[in-house]
Amino acid sequence: MSILKKLKPKFWDYHDVAAGPHKHLFNFRRIWKQSVVLISLVAIIPLVLITILDYEVTQRAVETDFLLRTARLVSNTWRTVSFFLAERRSALDFVVRDNSYNSLCDSKRLSNILKNLKEGFGGFIDIGVIDSNGLQRAYAGPYKLEGINYREQGWFKDATYKGVNVSDVFMGFRRTPHFVIAVRHNLANGSFYILRATIDTDRFNELLSHLELSGQGDSFLINKGGVLQTPSKDFGKVLDKIPLPVPEFSANTRVYEETYKHKGLVIGYDYIHDTPFILMIVKQKAELMKPWQKTRLKLIGFLIASISVIVVVILSVATYLVNRILLADQKRIMTLHEVEYSNKMASIGRLAAGVAHEINNPLAVINEKVGLIKDMLTIKDEFKENKKLIELANAALYSVDRCGTITKRLLNFARHLDVKIQQVNIDEVIKDVLGFLTKEADYRSIKVSVNVARDIPQFESDRGKLQQVLLNIVNNAFAAVKDGGKIDISAKREGTDLISVTFTDDGCGIPKSDLERVFEPFFSTKTKQGGTGLGLSITYGLVQELGGSIGVQSEVGKGTSFVVILPLKIDKKEGKNDEDIACR
């Protein structure tokens, strides 16, 4: 038997042939499906909705969290970079306020100032004093830049106009990336000069490289034209233009999401005031969401496991309940059939008894008249020698006797209407039952053998129920064997208190998968041939009422054997009394 057949509920292929126009009320498969669907919807939909809501809320919380973390990191880094630039600009402000123009134009004095700036602040490469005409009057540093005119340089014009300038990173004469901070100072004669210092970008790189970035982050500075002011891990070297759009100006830290090469990016930026620099921190969204991905897998796994458990429970409970409904309905139908069957048998019994009585009366007259005729034939001398007439009289008397035997058998079968416990002889009961099937056995050439042990005494039982049990089993045996088959009936004692009656046939046999169900109500392998599935079920109930038990063994193609175990004495404390039996 396949696993599917084992799992298939009893009601799956059940069809109530007596349902009439209300078949939909007895379509248990449909009832089961409706129950499963409705209960599943009620149980699973809220769970799915709660899971989806939790999924959305949790995902939104995770995204909000890393956006806030990115914004906080950008703000902290912005403060560090701004402080770095402000510190050096303040140092230059102090220098121009603490020294006169002439002292700054002294090369030795300027060299000492550069040395102090390097030791005190770091990041300074050189320093120069530039007059109002853009000519560098004094210079301290590793390069020979005295006398260079910066009049046309953008930083010089911007410093002249604004009073201070922080330039973009550029290569310049040094051919290395750097930027300058220039501070204008007005002189008493109405003129001015500019103190200009070159700052090494390595300090910027060092500041940004020490950031602890999650999500494979990248931090760098760009100018307002989108040109890298510091190297980027993902977007190029210094002075390369980044492939991302330059973010719009904002006075505060901003974080937004962008797609680049089909990848989601989280970008935080902040404009550094009074400088051309824009601080940018870029993170890979997929990397940031990895912890959430693990949580999501757990959430989905929990949902799947929960739904699986719910579905299994729903299927089990629905199957159990519908099976119970089926059994209740079968018990109801079985009770109705039993009542109908009992009424039918009672009607047949009453009819048989009436017919037997009606037939017995004319048979008695015929028997008396034929006997009188026979006596007259034997008394008168002229008929004594006429053997033909005497043989005809004997044949008539034999036929009358045979009819009497048949009517007696009908009366015995009808006596189960008056239910009572009485002493019965198992051999007589078996022969009475076989008497109804003698013609069929002869017609089909079925050999029926009976072997009843001599040590079986008469025992207490209900003769009518016992006849019905044996008749049902013998009828099943006749239906199972082919023409020319064989049926063996044997009875013997089992211990001191029991007897067993065994019915063995060489018929088609019962499949192993059906053996456990042969006594179930409405189970039949002959539904297409008119079987109702009630014969063995009723037989099983009758045997139980008689205080006995019934078993079956069978093998397909070899035959079947039914064994009925009966007590020699019915225990009236446990069994039904005569009135209870009569009520059934």
Protein backbone atom coordinates (compact mmCIF):
# COMPACT_ATOMS: atom_id res chain seq x y z
CA MET A 1 0.00 0.00 0.00
CA SER A 2 1.42 3.39 -0.98
CA ILE A 3 1.91 6.22 1.51
CA LEU A 4 -0.82 8.26 -0.21
CA LYS A 5 -3.33 5.45 0.25
CA LYS A 6 -2.40 5.17 3.91
CA LEU A 7 -2.83 8.92 4.39
CA LYS A 8 -6.07 9.09 2.41
CA PRO A 9 -8.98 9.70 4.82
CA LYS A 10 -11.87 7.27 4.97
CA PHE A 11 -14.31 9.84 3.63
CA TRP A 12 -12.25 10.77 0.55
CA ASP A 13 -13.90 8.32 -1.85
CA TYR A 14 -17.13 7.92 0.10
CA HIS A 15 -20.38 8.38 -1.79
CA ASP A 16 -23.75 8.08 -0.11
CA VAL A 17 -25.91 6.37 -2.71
CA ALA A 18 -28.99 7.03 -0.57
CA ALA A 19 -28.45 10.78 -0.30
CA GLY A 20 -31.04 11.54 -2.98
CA PRO A 21 -31.40 15.20 -3.96
CA HIS A 22 -29.32 16.34 -0.97
CA LYS A 23 -26.00 14.87 -2.07
CA HIS A 24 -24.16 18.15 -1.36
CA LEU A 25 -24.94 17.69 2.35
CA PHE A 26 -23.12 14.36 2.33
CA ASN A 27 -20.16 15.37 0.18
CA PHE A 28 -17.58 14.92 2.94
CA ARG A 29 -14.63 15.67 0.67
CA ARG A 30 -16.19 19.06 -0.10
CA ILE A 31 -16.92 19.65 3.59
CA TRP A 32 -13.29 18.83 4.40
CA LYS A 33 -11.95 21.17 1.74
CA GLN A 34 -14.20 24.02 2.87
CA SER A 35 -13.17 23.48 6.49
CA VAL A 36 -9.47 23.44 5.61
CA VAL A 37 -9.73 26.57 3.45
CA LEU A 38 -11.80 28.58 5.95
CA ILE A 39 -9.73 27.62 9.00
CA SER A 40 -6.50 28.21 7.06
CA LEU A 41 -7.63 31.66 6.00
CA VAL A 42 -8.67 32.58 9.53
CA ALA A 43 -5.42 31.25 11.04
CA ILE A 44 -2.82 32.07 8.39
CA ILE A 45 -3.91 35.46 7.03
CA PRO A 46 -3.52 37.28 10.40
CA LEU A 47 -0.13 35.61 10.88
CA VAL A 48 1.01 36.64 7.39
CA LEU A 49 -0.27 40.20 7.87
CA ILE A 50 1.46 40.53 11.23
CA THR A 51 4.66 39.13 9.74
CA ILE A 52 4.52 41.53 6.79
CA LEU A 53 3.86 44.45 9.12
CA ASP A 54 6.71 43.39 11.38
CA TYR A 55 8.90 42.93 8.31
CA GLU A 56 8.15 46.44 7.06
CA VAL A 57 8.55 48.08 10.45
CA THR A 58 11.77 46.25 11.22
CA GLN A 59 13.24 46.97 7.79
CA ARG A 60 12.30 50.64 8.10
CA ALA A 61 13.85 50.75 11.57
CA VAL A 62 17.07 49.15 10.29
CA GLU A 63 17.27 51.58 7.36
CA THR A 64 16.54 54.55 9.62
CA ASP A 65 19.20 53.34 12.04
CA PHE A 66 22.00 53.15 9.49
CA LEU A 67 20.93 56.47 7.95
CA LEU A 68 21.19 58.08 11.39
CA ARG A 69 24.51 56.37 12.02
CA THR A 70 25.82 57.63 8.67
CA ALA A 71 24.58 61.15 9.41
CA ARG A 72 26.25 61.08 12.83
CA LEU A 73 29.51 59.84 11.32
CA VAL A 74 29.42 62.57 8.65
CA SER A 75 28.77 65.22 11.32
CA ASN A 76 31.62 64.02 13.52
CA THR A 77 34.02 63.83 10.58
CA TRP A 78 32.88 67.25 9.38
CA ARG A 79 33.75 68.69 12.79
CA THR A 80 37.20 67.10 12.65
CA VAL A 81 37.96 68.44 9.15
CA SER A 82 36.49 71.86 9.94
CA PHE A 83 38.53 72.04 13.12
CA PHE A 84 41.66 71.05 11.20
CA LEU A 85 41.17 73.90 8.69
CA ALA A 86 39.97 76.42 11.27
CA GLU A 87 42.95 75.66 13.49
CA ARG A 88 45.44 76.37 10.73
CA ARG A 89 43.59 79.44 9.54
CA SER A 90 43.54 80.77 13.11
CA ALA A 91 47.27 80.09 13.37
CA LEU A 92 47.86 82.23 10.27
CA ASP A 93 45.59 84.96 11.69
CA PHE A 94 47.70 84.98 14.83
CA VAL A 95 50.92 85.21 12.81
CA VAL A 96 49.82 88.26 10.84
CA ARG A 97 48.56 89.98 13.98
CA ASP A 98 51.63 89.15 16.02
CA ASN A 99 54.23 90.16 13.38
CA SER A 100 54.73 93.26 11.31
CA TYR A 101 54.95 93.21 7.56
CA ASN A 102 58.67 93.95 7.64
CA SER A 103 59.41 91.18 10.14
CA LEU A 104 57.48 88.70 8.02
CA CYS A 105 59.51 89.73 4.99
CA ASP A 106 62.64 88.68 6.90
CA SER A 107 63.51 85.20 5.57
CA LYS A 108 64.97 84.02 8.87
CA ARG A 109 61.99 85.22 10.84
CA LEU A 110 59.61 83.57 8.35
CA SER A 111 61.59 80.32 8.52
CA ASN A 112 61.31 80.27 12.31
CA ILE A 113 57.55 80.88 12.06
CA LEU A 114 57.21 77.95 9.59
CA LYS A 115 59.22 75.72 11.91
CA ASN A 116 56.99 76.63 14.86
CA LEU A 117 53.84 76.00 12.78
CA LYS A 118 55.10 72.57 11.73
CA GLU A 119 55.97 71.61 15.26
CA GLY A 120 52.83 73.07 16.83
CA PHE A 121 50.19 72.13 14.28
CA GLY A 122 51.67 69.97 11.58
CA GLY A 123 50.61 69.79 7.95
CA PHE A 124 52.36 73.02 6.87
CA ILE A 125 54.74 72.66 3.92
CA ASP A 126 55.81 76.23 3.26
CA ILE A 127 54.73 79.82 3.89
CA GLY A 128 55.02 83.01 1.87
CA VAL A 129 54.28 86.75 2.06
CA ILE A 130 52.62 88.23 -1.05
CA ASP A 131 52.14 91.97 -1.57
CA SER A 132 49.05 93.65 -2.98
CA ASN A 133 50.40 93.29 -6.52
CA GLY A 134 50.57 89.47 -6.22
CA LEU A 135 54.38 89.36 -5.96
CA GLN A 136 55.77 86.94 -3.41
CA ARG A 137 58.09 89.09 -1.26
CA ALA A 138 59.26 86.45 1.15
CA TYR A 139 59.15 82.64 1.15
CA ALA A 140 60.13 79.87 3.57
CA GLY A 141 60.00 76.29 2.44
CA PRO A 142 61.66 73.54 0.41
CA TYR A 143 61.11 75.18 -2.99
CA LYS A 144 62.55 78.32 -4.70
CA LEU A 145 59.41 80.34 -5.15
CA GLU A 146 60.60 83.90 -4.35
CA GLY A 147 59.52 86.48 -6.88
CA ILE A 148 56.62 84.47 -8.31
CA ASN A 149 53.62 86.60 -9.12
CA TYR A 150 50.20 85.17 -8.18
CA ARG A 151 48.14 88.13 -9.34
CA GLU A 152 46.10 86.08 -11.82
CA GLN A 153 45.56 83.10 -9.50
CA GLY A 154 41.99 82.54 -8.37
CA TRP A 155 42.92 82.02 -4.74
CA PHE A 156 44.75 85.42 -4.74
CA LYS A 157 41.71 87.21 -6.11
CA ASP A 158 39.39 85.42 -3.71
CA ALA A 159 41.61 86.22 -0.70
CA THR A 160 41.87 89.86 -1.80
CA TYR A 161 38.10 90.13 -2.03
CA LYS A 162 37.02 88.01 0.99
CA GLY A 163 39.99 88.40 3.28
CA VAL A 164 40.58 84.66 3.55
CA ASN A 165 40.78 81.80 1.08
CA VAL A 166 41.02 78.03 1.30
CA SER A 167 41.83 76.77 -2.18
CA ASP A 168 40.95 73.58 -4.02
CA VAL A 169 43.56 70.88 -4.09
CA PHE A 170 45.83 71.39 -7.07
CA MET A 171 49.21 70.23 -8.38
CA GLY A 172 50.90 73.66 -8.87
CA PHE A 173 54.63 74.09 -9.31
CA ARG A 174 55.32 71.28 -6.86
CA ARG A 175 53.54 68.64 -8.99
CA THR A 176 52.09 67.12 -5.84
CA PRO A 177 48.51 67.51 -4.54
CA HIS A 178 48.19 70.35 -2.06
CA PHE A 179 46.01 73.28 -1.14
CA VAL A 180 46.67 76.67 0.34
CA ILE A 181 45.22 78.84 3.05
CA ALA A 182 45.63 82.59 2.40
CA VAL A 183 44.89 85.37 4.90
CA ARG A 184 44.80 89.07 3.96
CA HIS A 185 46.05 91.70 6.40
CA ASN A 186 45.53 95.44 5.86
CA LEU A 187 48.44 97.89 6.37
CA ALA A 188 48.29 101.33 7.88
CA ASN A 189 48.98 103.02 4.53
CA GLY A 190 45.83 101.55 3.03
CA SER A 191 47.60 98.73 1.26
CA PHE A 192 47.56 95.04 2.24
CA TYR A 193 49.51 91.86 2.02
CA ILE A 194 48.58 88.17 2.06
CA LEU A 195 50.13 85.46 4.19
CA ARG A 196 49.88 82.23 2.27
CA ALA A 197 50.60 78.72 3.62
CA THR A 198 50.63 75.41 1.76
CA ILE A 199 48.97 72.50 3.52
CA ASP A 200 49.87 68.88 2.86
CA THR A 201 46.82 66.75 1.82
CA ASP A 202 48.36 63.76 3.56
CA ARG A 203 46.92 65.09 6.79
CA PHE A 204 43.46 65.08 5.19
CA ASN A 205 44.01 61.55 3.94
CA GLU A 206 45.14 60.46 7.38
CA LEU A 207 42.05 61.96 8.99
CA LEU A 208 39.68 60.21 6.59
CA SER A 209 41.50 56.88 6.45
CA HIS A 210 41.22 56.35 10.20
CA LEU A 211 37.44 56.42 10.12
CA GLU A 212 35.70 53.18 11.10
CA LEU A 213 33.26 52.70 8.25
CA SER A 214 30.70 49.89 8.01
CA GLY A 215 29.12 48.61 4.81
CA GLN A 216 32.42 48.75 2.83
CA GLY A 217 32.33 52.51 3.30
CA ASP A 218 34.41 55.11 1.47
CA SER A 219 35.16 58.65 2.74
CA PHE A 220 36.62 61.48 0.69
CA LEU A 221 36.49 65.19 -0.07
CA ILE A 222 35.34 66.73 -3.33
CA ASN A 223 35.05 70.29 -4.49
CA LYS A 224 31.93 71.88 -5.84
CA GLY A 225 32.81 70.68 -9.33
CA GLY A 226 32.83 67.03 -8.26
CA VAL A 227 36.64 66.71 -8.40
CA LEU A 228 38.23 64.50 -5.78
CA GLN A 229 40.32 66.42 -3.24
CA THR A 230 41.44 63.24 -1.49
CA PRO A 231 41.81 59.74 -2.93
CA SER A 232 38.76 57.48 -2.97
CA LYS A 233 38.74 53.74 -2.60
CA ASP A 234 35.95 53.27 -5.12
CA PHE A 235 35.78 56.41 -7.30
CA GLY A 236 39.34 57.34 -8.30
CA LYS A 237 42.46 59.26 -7.41
CA VAL A 238 42.99 62.86 -6.40
CA LEU A 239 41.77 65.35 -9.03
CA ASP A 240 39.64 62.68 -10.77
CA LYS A 241 36.02 63.56 -11.30
CA ILE A 242 33.65 61.28 -9.42
CA PRO A 243 30.91 59.47 -11.39
CA LEU A 244 28.30 60.50 -8.84
CA PRO A 245 26.33 63.73 -9.08
CA VAL A 246 27.49 66.56 -6.83
CA PRO A 247 24.98 66.79 -3.96
CA GLU A 248 22.98 69.99 -3.66
CA PHE A 249 24.01 72.58 -1.11
CA SER A 250 22.77 72.12 2.41
CA ALA A 251 23.71 73.99 5.55
CA ASN A 252 23.31 70.78 7.55
CA THR A 253 24.34 67.18 7.22
CA ARG A 254 22.27 65.26 4.68
CA VAL A 255 21.96 61.55 3.90
CA TYR A 256 20.31 60.12 0.81
CA GLU A 257 20.24 56.95 -1.26
CA GLU A 258 21.63 56.64 -4.77
CA THR A 259 21.98 53.85 -7.34
CA TYR A 260 25.35 53.34 -8.98
CA LYS A 261 26.10 50.44 -11.34
CA HIS A 262 22.90 48.71 -10.21
CA LYS A 263 24.05 48.90 -6.61
CA GLY A 264 22.34 50.80 -3.85
CA LEU A 265 24.47 53.43 -2.11
CA VAL A 266 23.91 55.36 1.09
CA ILE A 267 25.55 58.77 0.72
CA GLY A 268 26.10 61.22 3.56
CA TYR A 269 27.58 64.65 2.90
CA ASP A 270 28.19 68.03 4.46
CA TYR A 271 29.51 71.27 3.00
CA ILE A 272 32.50 72.60 4.94
CA HIS A 273 31.84 76.30 5.49
CA ASP A 274 34.18 78.91 3.95
CA THR A 275 35.95 76.19 1.95
CA PRO A 276 35.39 74.60 -1.48
CA PHE A 277 35.30 71.17 0.14
CA ILE A 278 32.37 68.80 0.45
CA LEU A 279 32.80 65.88 2.82
CA MET A 280 31.22 62.67 1.46
CA ILE A 281 30.87 59.24 3.04
CA VAL A 282 29.52 56.51 0.77
CA LYS A 283 28.41 53.07 2.00
CA GLN A 284 27.13 49.97 0.22
CA LYS A 285 23.47 49.49 1.19
CA ALA A 286 23.64 45.74 0.58
CA GLU A 287 26.45 45.44 3.10
CA LEU A 288 24.60 47.57 5.62
CA MET A 289 21.52 45.37 5.21
CA LYS A 290 23.38 42.08 5.74
CA PRO A 291 22.48 41.84 9.43
CA TRP A 292 18.88 42.53 8.45
CA GLN A 293 19.09 39.87 5.75
CA LYS A 294 19.93 37.29 8.41
CA THR A 295 17.07 38.52 10.56
CA ARG A 296 14.78 38.43 7.53
CA LEU A 297 15.72 34.83 6.78
CA LYS A 298 14.92 33.93 10.38
CA LEU A 299 11.62 35.79 10.13
CA ILE A 300 10.70 34.05 6.88
CA GLY A 301 11.81 30.72 8.29
CA PHE A 302 9.68 31.30 11.36
CA LEU A 303 6.71 32.20 9.14
CA ILE A 304 7.15 29.09 6.99
CA ALA A 305 7.56 26.86 10.05
CA SER A 306 4.51 28.42 11.70
CA ILE A 307 2.39 28.04 8.56
CA SER A 308 3.56 24.45 8.17
CA VAL A 309 2.60 23.61 11.75
CA ILE A 310 -0.74 25.41 11.37
CA VAL A 311 -1.48 23.59 8.09
CA VAL A 312 -0.57 20.20 9.59
CA VAL A 313 -2.77 20.88 12.63
CA ILE A 314 -5.63 22.15 10.44
CA LEU A 315 -5.41 19.13 8.13
CA SER A 316 -5.27 16.75 11.09
CA VAL A 317 -8.12 18.40 12.99
CA ALA A 318 -10.29 18.81 9.87
CA THR A 319 -9.66 15.20 8.87
CA TYR A 320 -10.44 13.99 12.39
CA LEU A 321 -13.65 16.02 12.65
CA VAL A 322 -14.92 15.06 9.19
CA ASN A 323 -14.08 11.42 9.93
CA ARG A 324 -16.11 11.72 13.10
CA ILE A 325 -18.98 13.25 11.13
CA LEU A 326 -18.72 10.42 8.61
CA LEU A 327 -18.74 7.80 11.37
CA ALA A 328 -21.71 9.48 13.04
CA ASP A 329 -23.55 9.59 9.74
CA GLN A 330 -22.66 5.97 9.03
CA LYS A 331 -23.92 4.95 12.46
CA ARG A 332 -27.13 6.84 11.81
CA ILE A 333 -27.57 5.20 8.40
CA MET A 334 -26.57 1.82 9.81
CA THR A 335 -29.16 2.15 12.56
CA LEU A 336 -31.80 3.01 9.98
CA HIS A 337 -30.69 0.09 7.82
CA GLU A 338 -30.72 -2.23 10.80
CA VAL A 339 -34.25 -1.13 11.66
CA GLU A 340 -35.24 -1.54 8.03
CA TYR A 341 -33.43 -4.87 7.86
CA SER A 342 -35.08 -6.06 11.08
CA ASN A 343 -38.48 -4.97 9.87
CA LYS A 344 -37.89 -6.67 6.56
CA MET A 345 -36.74 -9.85 8.21
CA ALA A 346 -39.68 -9.69 10.60
CA SER A 347 -42.06 -9.24 7.66
CA ILE A 348 -40.42 -12.11 5.80
CA GLY A 349 -40.57 -14.25 8.94
CA ARG A 350 -44.25 -13.49 9.51
CA LEU A 351 -44.95 -14.11 5.85
CA ALA A 352 -43.01 -17.39 5.98
CA ALA A 353 -44.83 -18.45 9.13
CA GLY A 354 -48.21 -17.59 7.61
CA VAL A 355 -47.37 -19.38 4.37
CA ALA A 356 -46.09 -22.40 6.29
CA HIS A 357 -49.26 -22.58 8.38
CA GLU A 358 -51.48 -22.13 5.34
CA ILE A 359 -49.60 -24.82 3.45
CA ASN A 360 -49.54 -27.20 6.41
CA ASN A 361 -53.35 -27.31 6.58
CA PRO A 362 -53.94 -28.60 3.00
CA LEU A 363 -50.86 -30.80 3.34
CA ALA A 364 -52.42 -32.43 6.40
CA VAL A 365 -55.62 -33.04 4.43
CA ILE A 366 -53.67 -34.40 1.45
CA ASN A 367 -51.59 -36.59 3.76
CA GLU A 368 -54.74 -37.94 5.45
CA LYS A 369 -56.55 -38.59 2.18
CA VAL A 370 -53.55 -40.23 0.49
CA GLY A 371 -53.00 -42.34 3.60
CA LEU A 372 -56.66 -43.39 3.48
CA ILE A 373 -56.35 -44.25 -0.21
CA LYS A 374 -53.23 -46.29 0.51
CA ASP A 375 -55.03 -48.15 3.32
CA MET A 376 -57.94 -48.90 1.01
CA LEU A 377 -55.56 -50.17 -1.66
CA THR A 378 -53.89 -52.50 0.80
CA ILE A 379 -57.22 -53.75 2.33
CA LYS A 380 -59.07 -54.68 -0.86
CA ASP A 381 -57.78 -57.79 -2.53
CA GLU A 382 -58.28 -56.53 -6.07
CA PHE A 383 -55.76 -53.68 -5.38
CA LYS A 384 -53.17 -55.59 -3.34
CA GLU A 385 -51.42 -56.84 -6.39
CA ASN A 386 -51.49 -53.43 -8.18
CA LYS A 387 -48.02 -52.18 -7.18
CA LYS A 388 -48.27 -49.22 -9.50
CA LEU A 389 -51.06 -47.61 -7.48
CA ILE A 390 -49.28 -48.30 -4.20
CA GLU A 391 -46.04 -46.66 -5.56
CA LEU A 392 -48.03 -43.60 -6.66
CA ALA A 393 -49.56 -43.35 -3.19
CA ASN A 394 -46.11 -43.67 -1.60
CA ALA A 395 -44.72 -40.96 -3.94
CA ALA A 396 -47.55 -38.64 -2.94
CA LEU A 397 -46.88 -39.29 0.74
CA TYR A 398 -43.12 -38.65 0.22
CA SER A 399 -43.88 -35.34 -1.50
CA VAL A 400 -46.20 -34.36 1.33
CA ASP A 401 -43.46 -35.24 3.84
CA ARG A 402 -40.91 -33.21 1.85
CA CYS A 403 -43.23 -30.20 1.78
CA GLY A 404 -43.68 -30.63 5.52
CA THR A 405 -39.91 -30.54 6.02
CA ILE A 406 -39.66 -27.33 3.99
CA THR A 407 -42.47 -25.64 5.90
CA LYS A 408 -40.88 -26.75 9.18
CA ARG A 409 -37.62 -25.16 8.10
CA LEU A 410 -39.43 -21.94 7.26
CA LEU A 411 -41.08 -21.99 10.68
CA ASN A 412 -37.72 -22.57 12.37
CA PHE A 413 -36.21 -19.62 10.46
CA ALA A 414 -39.18 -17.45 11.40
CA ARG A 415 -38.90 -18.25 15.10
CA HIS A 416 -36.24 -15.56 15.64
CA LEU A 417 -39.16 -13.13 15.85
CA ASP A 418 -39.78 -14.55 19.30
CA VAL A 419 -36.28 -13.77 20.56
CA LYS A 420 -35.14 -15.83 23.51
CA ILE A 421 -32.12 -17.67 24.80
CA GLN A 422 -32.53 -21.40 24.39
CA GLN A 423 -30.58 -24.62 24.03
CA VAL A 424 -29.40 -25.07 20.44
CA ASN A 425 -27.59 -27.80 18.54
CA ILE A 426 -24.95 -26.34 16.24
CA ASP A 427 -25.17 -29.25 13.81
CA GLU A 428 -28.92 -28.74 13.36
CA VAL A 429 -28.53 -24.99 12.89
CA ILE A 430 -25.86 -25.47 10.23
CA LYS A 431 -28.02 -27.99 8.35
CA ASP A 432 -31.06 -25.71 8.55
CA VAL A 433 -29.03 -22.89 7.02
CA LEU A 434 -27.59 -25.08 4.28
CA GLY A 435 -31.10 -26.33 3.50
CA PHE A 436 -31.87 -22.94 1.95
CA LEU A 437 -28.84 -23.15 -0.35
CA THR A 438 -28.95 -26.82 -1.40
CA LYS A 439 -30.45 -26.10 -4.83
CA GLU A 440 -27.86 -23.37 -5.58
CA ALA A 441 -25.04 -25.69 -4.52
CA ASP A 442 -26.33 -28.43 -6.83
CA TYR A 443 -26.90 -26.02 -9.70
CA ARG A 444 -23.38 -24.54 -9.45
CA SER A 445 -21.67 -27.84 -8.58
CA ILE A 446 -20.36 -26.37 -5.32
CA LYS A 447 -19.18 -29.03 -2.89
CA VAL A 448 -20.18 -28.22 0.68
CA SER A 449 -18.72 -30.37 3.46
CA VAL A 450 -19.77 -30.20 7.12
CA ASN A 451 -17.66 -31.58 9.94
CA VAL A 452 -19.06 -31.07 13.44
CA ALA A 453 -17.17 -32.57 16.38
CA ARG A 454 -19.20 -35.03 18.42
CA ASP A 455 -18.10 -33.59 21.76
CA ILE A 456 -19.94 -30.30 21.18
CA PRO A 457 -22.94 -30.25 23.50
CA GLN A 458 -26.07 -28.21 23.15
CA PHE A 459 -25.39 -24.67 24.33
CA GLU A 460 -27.25 -21.48 25.19
CA SER A 461 -27.74 -19.01 22.36
CA ASP A 462 -30.31 -17.11 20.33
CA ARG A 463 -31.22 -19.52 17.55
CA GLY A 464 -32.55 -16.83 15.20
CA LYS A 465 -29.47 -14.62 15.50
CA LEU A 466 -27.18 -17.62 15.17
CA GLN A 467 -29.01 -18.69 11.99
CA GLN A 468 -28.66 -15.18 10.62
CA VAL A 469 -24.90 -15.11 11.39
CA LEU A 470 -24.25 -18.45 9.73
CA LEU A 471 -26.49 -17.64 6.75
CA ASN A 472 -24.65 -14.34 6.09
CA ILE A 473 -21.23 -16.01 6.18
CA VAL A 474 -22.33 -18.94 3.98
CA ASN A 475 -23.90 -16.50 1.49
CA ASN A 476 -20.58 -14.61 1.32
CA ALA A 477 -18.76 -17.90 0.70
CA PHE A 478 -21.17 -18.84 -2.13
CA ALA A 479 -20.61 -15.39 -3.67
CA ALA A 480 -16.82 -15.76 -3.46
CA VAL A 481 -16.38 -19.24 -4.99
CA LYS A 482 -16.69 -20.02 -8.67
CA ASP A 483 -18.84 -22.79 -10.09
CA GLY A 484 -17.34 -26.11 -9.06
CA GLY A 485 -15.78 -24.59 -5.95
CA LYS A 486 -15.55 -25.95 -2.45
CA ILE A 487 -16.79 -24.77 0.95
CA ASP A 488 -15.78 -26.48 4.19
CA ILE A 489 -17.70 -25.91 7.44
CA SER A 490 -16.27 -27.30 10.66
CA ALA A 491 -17.13 -26.91 14.33
CA LYS A 492 -15.12 -27.90 17.37
CA ARG A 493 -14.70 -27.12 21.02
CA GLU A 494 -12.22 -24.51 22.18
CA GLY A 495 -11.33 -25.30 25.77
CA THR A 496 -14.19 -25.92 28.15
CA ASP A 497 -16.34 -22.84 27.63
CA LEU A 498 -16.13 -22.04 23.91
CA ILE A 499 -16.82 -23.52 20.52
CA SER A 500 -15.54 -22.38 17.14
CA VAL A 501 -17.25 -22.59 13.76
CA THR A 502 -14.92 -22.20 10.76
CA PHE A 503 -16.08 -21.43 7.20
CA THR A 504 -13.38 -22.00 4.58
CA ASP A 505 -13.78 -21.44 0.85
CA ASP A 506 -11.43 -21.59 -2.14
CA GLY A 507 -12.78 -18.38 -3.68
CA CYS A 508 -11.10 -15.21 -4.91
CA GLY A 509 -9.83 -14.12 -1.48
CA ILE A 510 -9.63 -10.66 0.12
CA PRO A 511 -6.70 -8.26 -0.43
CA LYS A 512 -4.57 -7.65 2.65
CA SER A 513 -5.33 -3.93 2.50
CA ASP A 514 -9.08 -4.67 2.88
CA LEU A 515 -8.89 -7.26 5.66
CA GLU A 516 -8.92 -4.65 8.42
CA ARG A 517 -12.05 -3.02 6.96
CA VAL A 518 -14.28 -6.00 6.10
CA PHE A 519 -16.36 -5.51 9.25
CA GLU A 520 -16.73 -1.72 8.79
CA PRO A 521 -20.22 -0.46 7.90
CA PHE A 522 -20.76 0.21 4.20
CA PHE A 523 -17.37 -1.22 3.18
CA SER A 524 -17.86 -3.54 0.24
CA THR A 525 -15.82 -4.71 -2.73
CA LYS A 526 -19.06 -5.56 -4.56
CA THR A 527 -20.77 -2.17 -4.68
CA LYS A 528 -21.07 -2.43 -8.47
CA GLN A 529 -22.77 -5.82 -8.08
CA GLY A 530 -25.32 -4.49 -5.59
CA GLY A 531 -23.37 -4.94 -2.36
CA THR A 532 -24.30 -2.59 0.49
CA GLY A 533 -21.38 -3.27 2.84
CA LEU A 534 -23.76 -4.09 5.72
CA GLY A 535 -23.76 -7.93 5.71
CA LEU A 536 -20.52 -8.54 7.60
CA SER A 537 -21.05 -5.42 9.72
CA ILE A 538 -24.43 -6.74 10.91
CA THR A 539 -22.91 -10.19 11.33
CA TYR A 540 -20.16 -8.73 13.50
CA GLY A 541 -22.76 -6.96 15.67
CA LEU A 542 -24.85 -10.12 16.03
CA VAL A 543 -21.80 -12.18 17.08
CA GLN A 544 -20.98 -9.52 19.68
CA GLU A 545 -24.56 -9.70 20.99
CA LEU A 546 -24.19 -13.48 21.30
CA GLY A 547 -21.11 -12.91 23.47
CA GLY A 548 -18.70 -14.22 20.85
CA SER A 549 -16.12 -12.94 18.39
CA ILE A 550 -15.37 -13.28 14.70
CA GLY A 551 -12.11 -13.24 12.77
CA VAL A 552 -11.00 -13.58 9.18
CA GLN A 553 -7.93 -14.80 7.31
CA SER A 554 -7.55 -14.59 3.56
CA GLU A 555 -5.10 -14.73 0.69
CA VAL A 556 -5.87 -13.46 -2.77
CA GLY A 557 -6.39 -16.31 -5.23
CA LYS A 558 -6.41 -19.01 -2.55
CA GLY A 559 -9.52 -18.39 -0.46
CA THR A 560 -10.92 -17.03 2.78
CA SER A 561 -11.58 -18.43 6.23
CA PHE A 562 -14.03 -16.94 8.75
CA VAL A 563 -13.87 -18.18 12.35
CA VAL A 564 -16.79 -17.56 14.73
CA ILE A 565 -16.08 -18.14 18.44
CA LEU A 566 -19.18 -18.65 20.61
CA PRO A 567 -19.60 -19.24 24.35
CA LEU A 568 -21.39 -22.37 25.57
CA LYS A 569 -23.28 -20.20 28.03
CA ILE A 570 -24.24 -16.55 27.62
CA ASP A 571 -23.36 -14.36 30.59
CA LYS A 572 -26.63 -12.55 31.23
CA LYS A 573 -24.94 -9.96 33.43
CA GLU A 574 -22.93 -8.69 30.51
CA GLY A 575 -25.28 -9.65 27.69
CA LYS A 576 -28.70 -8.29 26.82
CA ASN A 577 -31.79 -9.83 28.35
CA ASP A 578 -34.59 -11.22 26.25
CA GLU A 579 -36.55 -8.00 26.32
CA ASP A 580 -33.57 -5.95 25.15
CA ILE A 581 -32.90 -8.38 22.34
CA ALA A 582 -36.53 -8.38 21.35
CA CYS A 583 -36.50 -4.59 21.16
CA ARG A 584 -33.77 -4.75 18.56
